[in-house]
Amino acid sequence: MNMLVKEKLQEIIRGIKDEKKIQRYYTLISHLEDMQEGNLYKSLTDQQKDILESTYNKSFDSDQLLDHDEVKSNFYAWL
């Protein structure tokens, strides 16, 4: 990573006086890092992984898919 970016980020953090705001930034950066590393998937239970995999596989079966216009009309009633 470019050191200039790290220095700018550190400068921004040093300028923040609100502790809650710093905590929110930390949480955001941590979540982004976890997503990049694949830790989100690793944190799922076996059951959640099975559901995710099943849903993913069904997405390739055209019989399991809904027509776009049909979905739009269903959601239009909610808007």
N, C-alpha and C. Protein backbone atom coordinates (compact mmCIF):
# COMPACT_ATOMS: atom_id res chain seq x y z
N MET A 1 0.85 -1.19 0.00
CA MET A 1 0.00 0.00 0.00
C MET A 1 0.88 1.24 0.00
N ASN A 2 0.46 2.18 -0.70
CA ASN A 2 1.17 3.44 -0.77
C ASN A 2 1.24 4.08 0.62
N MET A 3 2.44 4.42 1.05
CA MET A 3 2.63 5.01 2.38
C MET A 3 1.87 6.33 2.52
N LEU A 4 1.74 7.07 1.42
CA LEU A 4 1.02 8.33 1.48
C LEU A 4 -0.43 8.10 1.90
N VAL A 5 -1.05 7.04 1.40
CA VAL A 5 -2.43 6.72 1.76
C VAL A 5 -2.51 6.37 3.24
N LYS A 6 -1.57 5.57 3.72
CA LYS A 6 -1.57 5.21 5.14
C LYS A 6 -1.39 6.45 6.01
N GLU A 7 -0.50 7.32 5.61
CA GLU A 7 -0.26 8.55 6.37
C GLU A 7 -1.50 9.43 6.40
N LYS A 8 -2.18 9.54 5.27
CA LYS A 8 -3.41 10.34 5.21
C LYS A 8 -4.50 9.73 6.10
N LEU A 9 -4.61 8.41 6.06
CA LEU A 9 -5.59 7.73 6.90
C LEU A 9 -5.28 7.95 8.38
N GLN A 10 -4.02 7.84 8.75
CA GLN A 10 -3.62 8.08 10.14
C GLN A 10 -3.90 9.51 10.54
N GLU A 11 -3.69 10.44 9.64
CA GLU A 11 -3.95 11.86 9.92
C GLU A 11 -5.43 12.09 10.17
N ILE A 12 -6.26 11.47 9.36
CA ILE A 12 -7.71 11.60 9.55
C ILE A 12 -8.11 11.04 10.91
N ILE A 13 -7.59 9.87 11.25
CA ILE A 13 -7.94 9.23 12.52
C ILE A 13 -7.48 10.08 13.70
N ARG A 14 -6.26 10.61 13.61
CA ARG A 14 -5.76 11.46 14.71
C ARG A 14 -6.62 12.71 14.90
N GLY A 15 -7.25 13.19 13.83
CA GLY A 15 -8.08 14.39 13.92
C GLY A 15 -9.47 14.15 14.47
N ILE A 16 -9.88 12.92 14.59
CA ILE A 16 -11.22 12.61 15.09
C ILE A 16 -11.22 12.63 16.61
N LYS A 17 -12.06 13.43 17.18
CA LYS A 17 -12.14 13.54 18.65
C LYS A 17 -13.24 12.68 19.24
N ASP A 18 -14.24 12.35 18.43
CA ASP A 18 -15.39 11.57 18.89
C ASP A 18 -15.03 10.08 18.92
N GLU A 19 -14.97 9.52 20.11
CA GLU A 19 -14.57 8.12 20.30
C GLU A 19 -15.54 7.16 19.60
N LYS A 20 -16.83 7.48 19.63
CA LYS A 20 -17.82 6.62 18.96
C LYS A 20 -17.60 6.61 17.46
N LYS A 21 -17.23 7.74 16.90
CA LYS A 21 -16.98 7.82 15.47
C LYS A 21 -15.76 6.99 15.10
N ILE A 22 -14.73 7.05 15.91
CA ILE A 22 -13.53 6.24 15.66
C ILE A 22 -13.90 4.75 15.71
N GLN A 23 -14.73 4.38 16.68
CA GLN A 23 -15.16 2.98 16.79
C GLN A 23 -15.92 2.54 15.56
N ARG A 24 -16.78 3.42 15.02
CA ARG A 24 -17.54 3.08 13.81
C ARG A 24 -16.60 2.89 12.61
N TYR A 25 -15.60 3.76 12.49
CA TYR A 25 -14.63 3.60 11.41
C TYR A 25 -13.86 2.28 11.56
N TYR A 26 -13.48 1.98 12.77
CA TYR A 26 -12.76 0.73 13.02
C TYR A 26 -13.61 -0.48 12.63
N THR A 27 -14.88 -0.46 13.03
CA THR A 27 -15.80 -1.55 12.71
C THR A 27 -15.94 -1.69 11.20
N LEU A 28 -16.10 -0.57 10.51
CA LEU A 28 -16.23 -0.59 9.05
C LEU A 28 -15.00 -1.19 8.39
N ILE A 29 -13.83 -0.73 8.78
CA ILE A 29 -12.59 -1.23 8.19
C ILE A 29 -12.40 -2.71 8.52
N SER A 30 -12.73 -3.11 9.73
CA SER A 30 -12.61 -4.52 10.12
C SER A 30 -13.52 -5.40 9.28
N HIS A 31 -14.76 -4.95 9.07
CA HIS A 31 -15.70 -5.73 8.26
C HIS A 31 -15.23 -5.82 6.82
N LEU A 32 -14.71 -4.73 6.28
CA LEU A 32 -14.20 -4.76 4.91
C LEU A 32 -13.02 -5.72 4.80
N GLU A 33 -12.17 -5.72 5.79
CA GLU A 33 -11.01 -6.62 5.79
C GLU A 33 -11.47 -8.08 5.87
N ASP A 34 -12.45 -8.34 6.74
CA ASP A 34 -12.98 -9.71 6.87
C ASP A 34 -13.58 -10.19 5.56
N MET A 35 -14.31 -9.31 4.88
CA MET A 35 -14.93 -9.69 3.62
C MET A 35 -13.86 -10.00 2.58
N GLN A 36 -12.80 -9.22 2.55
CA GLN A 36 -11.73 -9.43 1.59
C GLN A 36 -11.00 -10.74 1.85
N GLU A 37 -10.83 -11.08 3.07
CA GLU A 37 -10.06 -12.26 3.45
C GLU A 37 -10.89 -13.55 3.37
N GLY A 38 -12.20 -13.42 3.15
CA GLY A 38 -13.05 -14.61 3.14
C GLY A 38 -13.48 -15.04 4.53
N ASN A 39 -13.25 -14.20 5.51
CA ASN A 39 -13.60 -14.56 6.89
C ASN A 39 -15.10 -14.59 7.12
N LEU A 40 -15.84 -13.85 6.32
CA LEU A 40 -17.29 -13.87 6.47
C LEU A 40 -17.81 -15.28 6.19
N TYR A 41 -17.36 -15.87 5.09
CA TYR A 41 -17.78 -17.24 4.76
C TYR A 41 -17.31 -18.21 5.84
N LYS A 42 -16.09 -18.03 6.29
CA LYS A 42 -15.55 -18.93 7.31
C LYS A 42 -16.33 -18.86 8.61
N SER A 43 -16.98 -17.72 8.86
CA SER A 43 -17.71 -17.54 10.12
C SER A 43 -19.10 -18.17 10.08
N LEU A 44 -19.55 -18.61 8.90
CA LEU A 44 -20.87 -19.23 8.80
C LEU A 44 -20.87 -20.62 9.43
N THR A 45 -22.04 -21.00 9.93
CA THR A 45 -22.19 -22.37 10.45
C THR A 45 -22.27 -23.32 9.25
N ASP A 46 -22.12 -24.61 9.52
CA ASP A 46 -22.24 -25.60 8.44
C ASP A 46 -23.62 -25.53 7.78
N GLN A 47 -24.64 -25.32 8.58
CA GLN A 47 -26.00 -25.22 8.05
C GLN A 47 -26.13 -24.00 7.13
N GLN A 48 -25.58 -22.87 7.55
CA GLN A 48 -25.63 -21.67 6.72
C GLN A 48 -24.86 -21.86 5.42
N LYS A 49 -23.72 -22.54 5.50
CA LYS A 49 -22.94 -22.83 4.29
C LYS A 49 -23.72 -23.73 3.34
N ASP A 50 -24.42 -24.73 3.89
CA ASP A 50 -25.22 -25.64 3.07
C ASP A 50 -26.34 -24.88 2.36
N ILE A 51 -27.01 -23.99 3.08
CA ILE A 51 -28.10 -23.20 2.49
C ILE A 51 -27.55 -22.29 1.40
N LEU A 52 -26.43 -21.65 1.68
CA LEU A 52 -25.82 -20.77 0.70
C LEU A 52 -25.43 -21.53 -0.56
N GLU A 53 -24.81 -22.68 -0.40
CA GLU A 53 -24.39 -23.49 -1.54
C GLU A 53 -25.60 -23.99 -2.34
N SER A 54 -26.64 -24.43 -1.64
CA SER A 54 -27.84 -24.90 -2.30
C SER A 54 -28.50 -23.77 -3.11
N THR A 55 -28.60 -22.62 -2.51
CA THR A 55 -29.19 -21.47 -3.20
C THR A 55 -28.36 -21.07 -4.41
N TYR A 56 -27.06 -21.07 -4.24
CA TYR A 56 -26.17 -20.74 -5.35
C TYR A 56 -26.35 -21.73 -6.50
N ASN A 57 -26.40 -23.01 -6.19
CA ASN A 57 -26.57 -24.03 -7.23
C ASN A 57 -27.92 -23.91 -7.93
N LYS A 58 -28.97 -23.58 -7.17
CA LYS A 58 -30.29 -23.40 -7.76
C LYS A 58 -30.32 -22.22 -8.73
N SER A 59 -29.46 -21.26 -8.52
CA SER A 59 -29.46 -20.08 -9.39
C SER A 59 -29.05 -20.42 -10.82
N PHE A 60 -28.47 -21.60 -11.05
CA PHE A 60 -28.08 -22.01 -12.39
C PHE A 60 -29.17 -22.83 -13.08
N ASP A 61 -30.21 -23.18 -12.33
CA ASP A 61 -31.32 -23.97 -12.87
C ASP A 61 -32.42 -23.01 -13.30
N SER A 62 -32.65 -22.92 -14.61
CA SER A 62 -33.63 -21.96 -15.12
C SER A 62 -35.04 -22.23 -14.60
N ASP A 63 -35.34 -23.48 -14.23
CA ASP A 63 -36.65 -23.79 -13.67
C ASP A 63 -36.83 -23.17 -12.28
N GLN A 64 -35.75 -22.86 -11.61
CA GLN A 64 -35.80 -22.28 -10.26
C GLN A 64 -35.86 -20.76 -10.29
N LEU A 65 -35.67 -20.18 -11.45
CA LEU A 65 -35.62 -18.72 -11.55
C LEU A 65 -36.99 -18.13 -11.84
N LEU A 66 -37.18 -16.90 -11.40
CA LEU A 66 -38.43 -16.20 -11.64
C LEU A 66 -38.22 -15.18 -12.75
N ASP A 67 -39.27 -14.94 -13.50
CA ASP A 67 -39.23 -13.94 -14.55
C ASP A 67 -39.04 -12.55 -13.92
N HIS A 68 -38.19 -11.76 -14.54
CA HIS A 68 -37.87 -10.43 -14.00
C HIS A 68 -39.12 -9.56 -13.87
N ASP A 69 -39.98 -9.57 -14.87
CA ASP A 69 -41.20 -8.76 -14.82
C ASP A 69 -42.13 -9.21 -13.70
N GLU A 70 -42.17 -10.52 -13.46
CA GLU A 70 -43.00 -11.05 -12.37
C GLU A 70 -42.49 -10.56 -11.02
N VAL A 71 -41.19 -10.59 -10.84
CA VAL A 71 -40.60 -10.12 -9.58
C VAL A 71 -40.86 -8.63 -9.41
N LYS A 72 -40.67 -7.87 -10.48
CA LYS A 72 -40.92 -6.42 -10.42
C LYS A 72 -42.36 -6.14 -10.02
N SER A 73 -43.31 -6.88 -10.59
CA SER A 73 -44.72 -6.62 -10.28
C SER A 73 -45.02 -6.97 -8.83
N ASN A 74 -44.39 -8.00 -8.31
CA ASN A 74 -44.58 -8.35 -6.89
C ASN A 74 -44.05 -7.26 -5.97
N PHE A 75 -42.91 -6.71 -6.30
CA PHE A 75 -42.31 -5.68 -5.45
C PHE A 75 -42.95 -4.32 -5.67
N TYR A 76 -43.55 -4.14 -6.83
CA TYR A 76 -44.21 -2.86 -7.10
C TYR A 76 -45.33 -2.61 -6.10
N ALA A 77 -45.99 -3.66 -5.66
CA ALA A 77 -47.07 -3.53 -4.69
C ALA A 77 -46.56 -3.00 -3.35
N TRP A 78 -45.29 -3.19 -3.07
CA TRP A 78 -44.69 -2.74 -1.81
C TRP A 78 -44.26 -1.29 -1.87
N LEU A 79 -44.11 -0.76 -3.06
CA LEU A 79 -43.59 0.62 -3.19
C LEU A 79 -44.64 1.66 -3.08
